[in-house]
């Protein structure tokens, strides 16, 4: 059950993160990354790894986007 919740949190993170890829909305990554961290924590509590792995990959992708944009853009 926790794995399903983690995957749902991952899909919400993905949807918000795709909006953050629009120019001048890079500041949204500051909101998306903590949501992904919560999803990874919930996924770590489950017996399966799929939700946790999804959220970890999303955290890495959006952190790289944040670094490339200088933390703001």
PDB file of N, CA and C in Angstrom:
ATOM      1  N   UNK A   1       0.816  -1.194   0.000  1.00  0.00           N
ATOM      2  CA  UNK A   1       0.000   0.000   0.000  1.00  0.00           C
ATOM      3  C   UNK A   1       0.869   1.271   0.000  1.00  0.00           C
ATOM      4  N   UNK A   2       1.923   1.249   0.803  1.00  0.00           N
ATOM      5  CA  UNK A   2       2.804   2.422   0.852  1.00  0.00           C
ATOM      6  C   UNK A   2       3.525   2.633  -0.474  1.00  0.00           C
ATOM      7  N   UNK A   3       3.801   1.541  -1.180  1.00  0.00           N
ATOM      8  CA  UNK A   3       4.446   1.672  -2.484  1.00  0.00           C
ATOM      9  C   UNK A   3       3.520   2.392  -3.460  1.00  0.00           C
ATOM     10  N   UNK A   4       2.237   2.086  -3.423  1.00  0.00           N
ATOM     11  CA  UNK A   4       1.260   2.749  -4.290  1.00  0.00           C
ATOM     12  C   UNK A   4       1.174   4.239  -3.960  1.00  0.00           C
ATOM     13  N   UNK A   5       1.186   4.572  -2.682  1.00  0.00           N
ATOM     14  CA  UNK A   5       1.165   5.976  -2.265  1.00  0.00           C
ATOM     15  C   UNK A   5       2.428   6.686  -2.757  1.00  0.00           C
ATOM     16  N   UNK A   6       3.568   6.015  -2.665  1.00  0.00           N
ATOM     17  CA  UNK A   6       4.823   6.598  -3.127  1.00  0.00           C
ATOM     18  C   UNK A   6       4.810   6.829  -4.635  1.00  0.00           C
ATOM     19  N   UNK A   7       4.246   5.898  -5.384  1.00  0.00           N
ATOM     20  CA  UNK A   7       4.157   6.071  -6.833  1.00  0.00           C
ATOM     21  C   UNK A   7       3.216   7.221  -7.174  1.00  0.00           C
ATOM     22  N   UNK A   8       2.113   7.355  -6.453  1.00  0.00           N
ATOM     23  CA  UNK A   8       1.197   8.480  -6.681  1.00  0.00           C
ATOM     24  C   UNK A   8       1.870   9.813  -6.382  1.00  0.00           C
ATOM     25  N   UNK A   9       2.631   9.861  -5.298  1.00  0.00           N
ATOM     26  CA  UNK A   9       3.384  11.074  -4.978  1.00  0.00           C
ATOM     27  C   UNK A   9       4.408  11.352  -6.081  1.00  0.00           C
ATOM     28  N   UNK A  10       5.004  10.296  -6.624  1.00  0.00           N
ATOM     29  CA  UNK A  10       5.959  10.448  -7.720  1.00  0.00           C
ATOM     30  C   UNK A  10       5.307  11.024  -8.972  1.00  0.00           C
ATOM     31  N   UNK A  11       4.083  10.603  -9.281  1.00  0.00           N
ATOM     32  CA  UNK A  11       3.384  11.145 -10.447  1.00  0.00           C
ATOM     33  C   UNK A  11       3.007  12.610 -10.243  1.00  0.00           C
ATOM     34  N   UNK A  12       2.643  12.978  -9.017  1.00  0.00           N
ATOM     35  CA  UNK A  12       2.366  14.388  -8.727  1.00  0.00           C
ATOM     36  C   UNK A  12       3.647  15.204  -8.877  1.00  0.00           C
ATOM     37  N   UNK A  13       4.756  14.666  -8.383  1.00  0.00           N
ATOM     38  CA  UNK A  13       6.048  15.327  -8.521  1.00  0.00           C
ATOM     39  C   UNK A  13       6.421  15.481  -9.993  1.00  0.00           C
ATOM     40  N   UNK A  14       6.169  14.451 -10.783  1.00  0.00           N
ATOM     41  CA  UNK A  14       6.480  14.511 -12.207  1.00  0.00           C
ATOM     42  C   UNK A  14       5.637  15.567 -12.910  1.00  0.00           C
ATOM     43  N   UNK A  15       4.350  15.628 -12.599  1.00  0.00           N
ATOM     44  CA  UNK A  15       3.468  16.606 -13.243  1.00  0.00           C
ATOM     45  C   UNK A  15       3.892  18.036 -12.899  1.00  0.00           C
ATOM     46  N   UNK A  16       4.175  18.283 -11.628  1.00  0.00           N
ATOM     47  CA  UNK A  16       4.608  19.622 -11.220  1.00  0.00           C
ATOM     48  C   UNK A  16       5.994  19.940 -11.775  1.00  0.00           C
ATOM     49  N   UNK A  17       6.843  18.923 -11.842  1.00  0.00           N
ATOM     50  CA  UNK A  17       8.188  19.131 -12.366  1.00  0.00           C
ATOM     51  C   UNK A  17       8.210  19.437 -13.846  1.00  0.00           C
ATOM     52  N   UNK A  18       7.293  18.864 -14.593  1.00  0.00           N
ATOM     53  CA  UNK A  18       7.224  19.179 -16.019  1.00  0.00           C
ATOM     54  C   UNK A  18       6.821  20.638 -16.238  1.00  0.00           C
ATOM     55  N   UNK A  19       5.974  21.155 -15.374  1.00  0.00           N
ATOM     56  CA  UNK A  19       5.630  22.577 -15.445  1.00  0.00           C
ATOM     57  C   UNK A  19       6.855  23.424 -15.113  1.00  0.00           C
ATOM     58  N   UNK A  20       7.689  22.937 -14.202  1.00  0.00           N
ATOM     59  CA  UNK A  20       8.882  23.684 -13.797  1.00  0.00           C
ATOM     60  C   UNK A  20       9.948  23.739 -14.889  1.00  0.00           C
ATOM     61  N   UNK A  21       9.820  22.917 -15.937  1.00  0.00           N
ATOM     62  CA  UNK A  21      10.769  22.976 -17.041  1.00  0.00           C
ATOM     63  C   UNK A  21      10.494  24.151 -17.970  1.00  0.00           C
ATOM     64  N   UNK A  22       9.347  24.798 -17.838  1.00  0.00           N
ATOM     65  CA  UNK A  22       9.034  25.979 -18.639  1.00  0.00           C
ATOM     66  C   UNK A  22       9.971  27.109 -18.198  1.00  0.00           C
ATOM     67  N   UNK A  23      10.553  27.854 -19.138  1.00  0.00           N
ATOM     68  CA  UNK A  23      11.445  28.951 -18.751  1.00  0.00           C
ATOM     69  C   UNK A  23      10.763  29.931 -17.796  1.00  0.00           C
ATOM     70  N   UNK A  24      11.526  30.430 -16.861  1.00  0.00           N
ATOM     71  CA  UNK A  24      11.124  31.364 -15.808  1.00  0.00           C
ATOM     72  C   UNK A  24      10.244  30.727 -14.740  1.00  0.00           C
ATOM     73  N   UNK A  25      10.028  29.427 -14.793  1.00  0.00           N
ATOM     74  CA  UNK A  25       9.311  28.734 -13.724  1.00  0.00           C
ATOM     75  C   UNK A  25      10.218  27.737 -13.005  1.00  0.00           C
ATOM     76  N   UNK A  26      11.514  27.909 -13.148  1.00  0.00           N
ATOM     77  CA  UNK A  26      12.479  27.021 -12.511  1.00  0.00           C
ATOM     78  C   UNK A  26      12.445  27.080 -10.996  1.00  0.00           C
ATOM     79  N   UNK A  27      11.946  28.176 -10.444  1.00  0.00           N
ATOM     80  CA  UNK A  27      11.828  28.296  -8.994  1.00  0.00           C
ATOM     81  C   UNK A  27      10.883  27.248  -8.429  1.00  0.00           C
ATOM     82  N   UNK A  28      10.021  26.678  -9.269  1.00  0.00           N
ATOM     83  CA  UNK A  28       9.097  25.636  -8.795  1.00  0.00           C
ATOM     84  C   UNK A  28       9.833  24.373  -8.372  1.00  0.00           C
ATOM     85  N   UNK A  29      11.071  24.200  -8.850  1.00  0.00           N
ATOM     86  CA  UNK A  29      11.851  23.034  -8.436  1.00  0.00           C
ATOM     87  C   UNK A  29      12.103  23.051  -6.934  1.00  0.00           C
ATOM     88  N   UNK A  30      12.144  24.241  -6.342  1.00  0.00           N
ATOM     89  CA  UNK A  30      12.297  24.335  -4.892  1.00  0.00           C
ATOM     90  C   UNK A  30      11.089  23.749  -4.168  1.00  0.00           C
ATOM     91  N   UNK A  31       9.941  23.681  -4.826  1.00  0.00           N
ATOM     92  CA  UNK A  31       8.749  23.069  -4.242  1.00  0.00           C
ATOM     93  C   UNK A  31       8.633  21.597  -4.617  1.00  0.00           C
ATOM     94  N   UNK A  32       9.108  21.245  -5.804  1.00  0.00           N
ATOM     95  CA  UNK A  32       8.962  19.888  -6.317  1.00  0.00           C
ATOM     96  C   UNK A  32       9.914  18.922  -5.619  1.00  0.00           C
ATOM     97  N   UNK A  33      11.134  19.339  -5.380  1.00  0.00           N
ATOM     98  CA  UNK A  33      12.129  18.447  -4.787  1.00  0.00           C
ATOM     99  C   UNK A  33      11.715  17.965  -3.389  1.00  0.00           C
ATOM    100  N   UNK A  34      11.216  18.815  -2.486  1.00  0.00           N
ATOM    101  CA  UNK A  34      10.758  18.295  -1.184  1.00  0.00           C
ATOM    102  C   UNK A  34       9.582  17.318  -1.294  1.00  0.00           C
ATOM    103  N   UNK A  35       8.707  17.522  -2.282  1.00  0.00           N
ATOM    104  CA  UNK A  35       7.616  16.569  -2.476  1.00  0.00           C
ATOM    105  C   UNK A  35       8.194  15.212  -2.880  1.00  0.00           C
ATOM    106  N   UNK A  36       9.205  15.225  -3.733  1.00  0.00           N
ATOM    107  CA  UNK A  36       9.880  13.983  -4.122  1.00  0.00           C
ATOM    108  C   UNK A  36      10.585  13.317  -2.951  1.00  0.00           C
ATOM    109  N   UNK A  37      11.137  14.110  -2.062  1.00  0.00           N
ATOM    110  CA  UNK A  37      11.797  13.549  -0.874  1.00  0.00           C
ATOM    111  C   UNK A  37      10.779  12.856   0.020  1.00  0.00           C
ATOM    112  N   UNK A  38       9.610  13.453   0.177  1.00  0.00           N
ATOM    113  CA  UNK A  38       8.543  12.812   0.965  1.00  0.00           C
ATOM    114  C   UNK A  38       8.135  11.496   0.302  1.00  0.00           C
ATOM    115  N   UNK A  39       7.995  11.505  -1.030  1.00  0.00           N
ATOM    116  CA  UNK A  39       7.652  10.284  -1.746  1.00  0.00           C
ATOM    117  C   UNK A  39       8.708   9.201  -1.595  1.00  0.00           C
ATOM    118  N   UNK A  40       9.975   9.590  -1.627  1.00  0.00           N
ATOM    119  CA  UNK A  40      11.057   8.621  -1.446  1.00  0.00           C
ATOM    120  C   UNK A  40      11.049   8.055  -0.025  1.00  0.00           C
ATOM    121  N   UNK A  41      10.725   8.890   0.948  1.00  0.00           N
ATOM    122  CA  UNK A  41      10.648   8.413   2.331  1.00  0.00           C
ATOM    123  C   UNK A  41       9.496   7.424   2.517  1.00  0.00           C
ATOM    124  N   UNK A  42       8.361   7.724   1.913  1.00  0.00           N
ATOM    125  CA  UNK A  42       7.232   6.798   1.992  1.00  0.00           C
ATOM    126  C   UNK A  42       7.581   5.502   1.265  1.00  0.00           C
ATOM    127  N   UNK A  43       8.259   5.613   0.121  1.00  0.00           N
ATOM    128  CA  UNK A  43       8.674   4.427  -0.617  1.00  0.00           C
ATOM    129  C   UNK A  43       9.690   3.591   0.133  1.00  0.00           C
ATOM    130  N   UNK A  44      10.513   4.232   0.950  1.00  0.00           N
ATOM    131  CA  UNK A  44      11.499   3.493   1.733  1.00  0.00           C
ATOM    132  C   UNK A  44      10.824   2.664   2.830  1.00  0.00           C
ATOM    133  N   UNK A  45       9.646   3.077   3.252  1.00  0.00           N
ATOM    134  CA  UNK A  45       8.919   2.335   4.286  1.00  0.00           C
ATOM    135  C   UNK A  45       8.204   1.111   3.720  1.00  0.00           C
ATOM    136  N   UNK A  46       8.014   1.044   2.408  1.00  0.00           N
ATOM    137  CA  UNK A  46       7.301  -0.088   1.812  1.00  0.00           C
ATOM    138  C   UNK A  46       8.265  -1.234   1.532  1.00  0.00           C
ATOM    139  N   UNK A  47       7.695  -2.378   1.224  1.00  0.00           N
ATOM    140  CA  UNK A  47       8.525  -3.556   0.967  1.00  0.00           C
ATOM    141  C   UNK A  47       9.042  -3.591  -0.473  1.00  0.00           C
ATOM    142  N   UNK A  48       8.441  -2.813  -1.366  1.00  0.00           N
ATOM    143  CA  UNK A  48       8.855  -2.767  -2.762  1.00  0.00           C
ATOM    144  C   UNK A  48       9.700  -1.516  -3.006  1.00  0.00           C
ATOM    145  N   UNK A  49      10.482  -1.534  -4.076  1.00  0.00           N
ATOM    146  CA  UNK A  49      11.404  -0.432  -4.343  1.00  0.00           C
ATOM    147  C   UNK A  49      10.954   0.490  -5.465  1.00  0.00           C
ATOM    148  N   UNK A  50       9.875   0.178  -6.165  1.00  0.00           N
ATOM    149  CA  UNK A  50       9.499   0.922  -7.363  1.00  0.00           C
ATOM    150  C   UNK A  50       9.203   2.388  -7.069  1.00  0.00           C
ATOM    151  N   UNK A  51       8.406   2.666  -6.074  1.00  0.00           N
ATOM    152  CA  UNK A  51       8.058   4.050  -5.736  1.00  0.00           C
ATOM    153  C   UNK A  51       9.251   4.843  -5.257  1.00  0.00           C
ATOM    154  N   UNK A  52      10.071   4.214  -4.436  1.00  0.00           N
ATOM    155  CA  UNK A  52      11.267   4.891  -3.945  1.00  0.00           C
ATOM    156  C   UNK A  52      12.201   5.232  -5.092  1.00  0.00           C
ATOM    157  N   UNK A  53      12.422   4.269  -5.996  1.00  0.00           N
ATOM    158  CA  UNK A  53      13.323   4.500  -7.124  1.00  0.00           C
ATOM    159  C   UNK A  53      12.795   5.584  -8.047  1.00  0.00           C
ATOM    160  N   UNK A  54      11.491   5.596  -8.300  1.00  0.00           N
ATOM    161  CA  UNK A  54      10.888   6.639  -9.131  1.00  0.00           C
ATOM    162  C   UNK A  54      11.157   8.017  -8.542  1.00  0.00           C
ATOM    163  N   UNK A  55      10.933   8.168  -7.261  1.00  0.00           N
ATOM    164  CA  UNK A  55      11.118   9.469  -6.619  1.00  0.00           C
ATOM    165  C   UNK A  55      12.586   9.873  -6.570  1.00  0.00           C
ATOM    166  N   UNK A  56      13.484   8.926  -6.384  1.00  0.00           N
ATOM    167  CA  UNK A  56      14.910   9.259  -6.377  1.00  0.00           C
ATOM    168  C   UNK A  56      15.353   9.754  -7.746  1.00  0.00           C
ATOM    169  N   UNK A  57      14.889   9.094  -8.807  1.00  0.00           N
ATOM    170  CA  UNK A  57      15.233   9.533 -10.163  1.00  0.00           C
ATOM    171  C   UNK A  57      14.678  10.935 -10.415  1.00  0.00           C
ATOM    172  N   UNK A  58      13.440  11.192  -9.994  1.00  0.00           N
ATOM    173  CA  UNK A  58      12.847  12.519 -10.189  1.00  0.00           C
ATOM    174  C   UNK A  58      13.597  13.586  -9.397  1.00  0.00           C
ATOM    175  N   UNK A  59      14.009  13.280  -8.189  1.00  0.00           N
ATOM    176  CA  UNK A  59      14.774  14.235  -7.371  1.00  0.00           C
ATOM    177  C   UNK A  59      16.078  14.591  -8.085  1.00  0.00           C
ATOM    178  N   UNK A  60      16.764  13.589  -8.625  1.00  0.00           N
ATOM    179  CA  UNK A  60      18.034  13.836  -9.314  1.00  0.00           C
ATOM    180  C   UNK A  60      17.818  14.705 -10.550  1.00  0.00           C
ATOM    181  N   UNK A  61      16.800  14.379 -11.348  1.00  0.00           N
ATOM    182  CA  UNK A  61      16.541  15.142 -12.573  1.00  0.00           C
ATOM    183  C   UNK A  61      16.216  16.599 -12.245  1.00  0.00           C
ATOM    184  N   UNK A  62      15.341  16.827 -11.273  1.00  0.00           N
ATOM    185  CA  UNK A  62      14.933  18.196 -10.979  1.00  0.00           C
ATOM    186  C   UNK A  62      16.010  18.964 -10.220  1.00  0.00           C
ATOM    187  N   UNK A  63      16.864  18.277  -9.482  1.00  0.00           N
ATOM    188  CA  UNK A  63      17.999  18.951  -8.851  1.00  0.00           C
ATOM    189  C   UNK A  63      19.014  19.394  -9.902  1.00  0.00           C
ATOM    190  N   UNK A  64      19.231  18.556 -10.916  1.00  0.00           N
ATOM    191  CA  UNK A  64      20.119  18.962 -12.011  1.00  0.00           C
ATOM    192  C   UNK A  64      19.553  20.169 -12.749  1.00  0.00           C
ATOM    193  N   UNK A  65      18.254  20.177 -12.980  1.00  0.00           N
ATOM    194  CA  UNK A  65      17.603  21.320 -13.650  1.00  0.00           C
ATOM    195  C   UNK A  65      17.766  22.576 -12.800  1.00  0.00           C
ATOM    196  N   UNK A  66      17.645  22.425 -11.511  1.00  0.00           N
ATOM    197  CA  UNK A  66      17.792  23.568 -10.618  1.00  0.00           C
ATOM    198  C   UNK A  66      19.225  24.101 -10.654  1.00  0.00           C
ATOM    199  N   UNK A  67      20.208  23.194 -10.676  1.00  0.00           N
ATOM    200  CA  UNK A  67      21.604  23.618 -10.742  1.00  0.00           C
ATOM    201  C   UNK A  67      21.926  24.294 -12.080  1.00  0.00           C
ATOM    202  N   UNK A  68      21.394  23.769 -13.172  1.00  0.00           N
ATOM    203  CA  UNK A  68      21.647  24.366 -14.483  1.00  0.00           C
ATOM    204  C   UNK A  68      21.029  25.748 -14.595  1.00  0.00           C
ATOM    205  N   UNK A  69      19.934  25.968 -13.912  1.00  0.00           N
ATOM    206  CA  UNK A  69      19.279  27.273 -13.960  1.00  0.00           C
ATOM    207  C   UNK A  69      19.840  28.257 -12.956  1.00  0.00           C
ATOM    208  N   UNK A  70      20.842  27.876 -12.211  1.00  0.00           N
ATOM    209  CA  UNK A  70      21.439  28.783 -11.245  1.00  0.00           C
ATOM    210  C   UNK A  70      20.657  28.884  -9.961  1.00  0.00           C
ATOM    211  N   UNK A  71      19.692  28.010  -9.741  1.00  0.00           N
ATOM    212  CA  UNK A  71      18.936  28.002  -8.504  1.00  0.00           C
ATOM    213  C   UNK A  71      17.667  28.845  -8.528  1.00  0.00           C
ATOM    214  N   UNK A  72      17.488  29.641  -9.562  1.00  0.00           N
ATOM    215  CA  UNK A  72      16.315  30.516  -9.601  1.00  0.00           C
ATOM    216  C   UNK A  72      15.534  30.322 -10.883  1.00  0.00           C
ATOM    217  N   UNK A  73      16.186  30.476 -12.015  1.00  0.00           N
ATOM    218  CA  UNK A  73      15.486  30.507 -13.311  1.00  0.00           C
ATOM    219  C   UNK A  73      15.052  29.109 -13.727  1.00  0.00           C
TER     220      UNK A  73
END
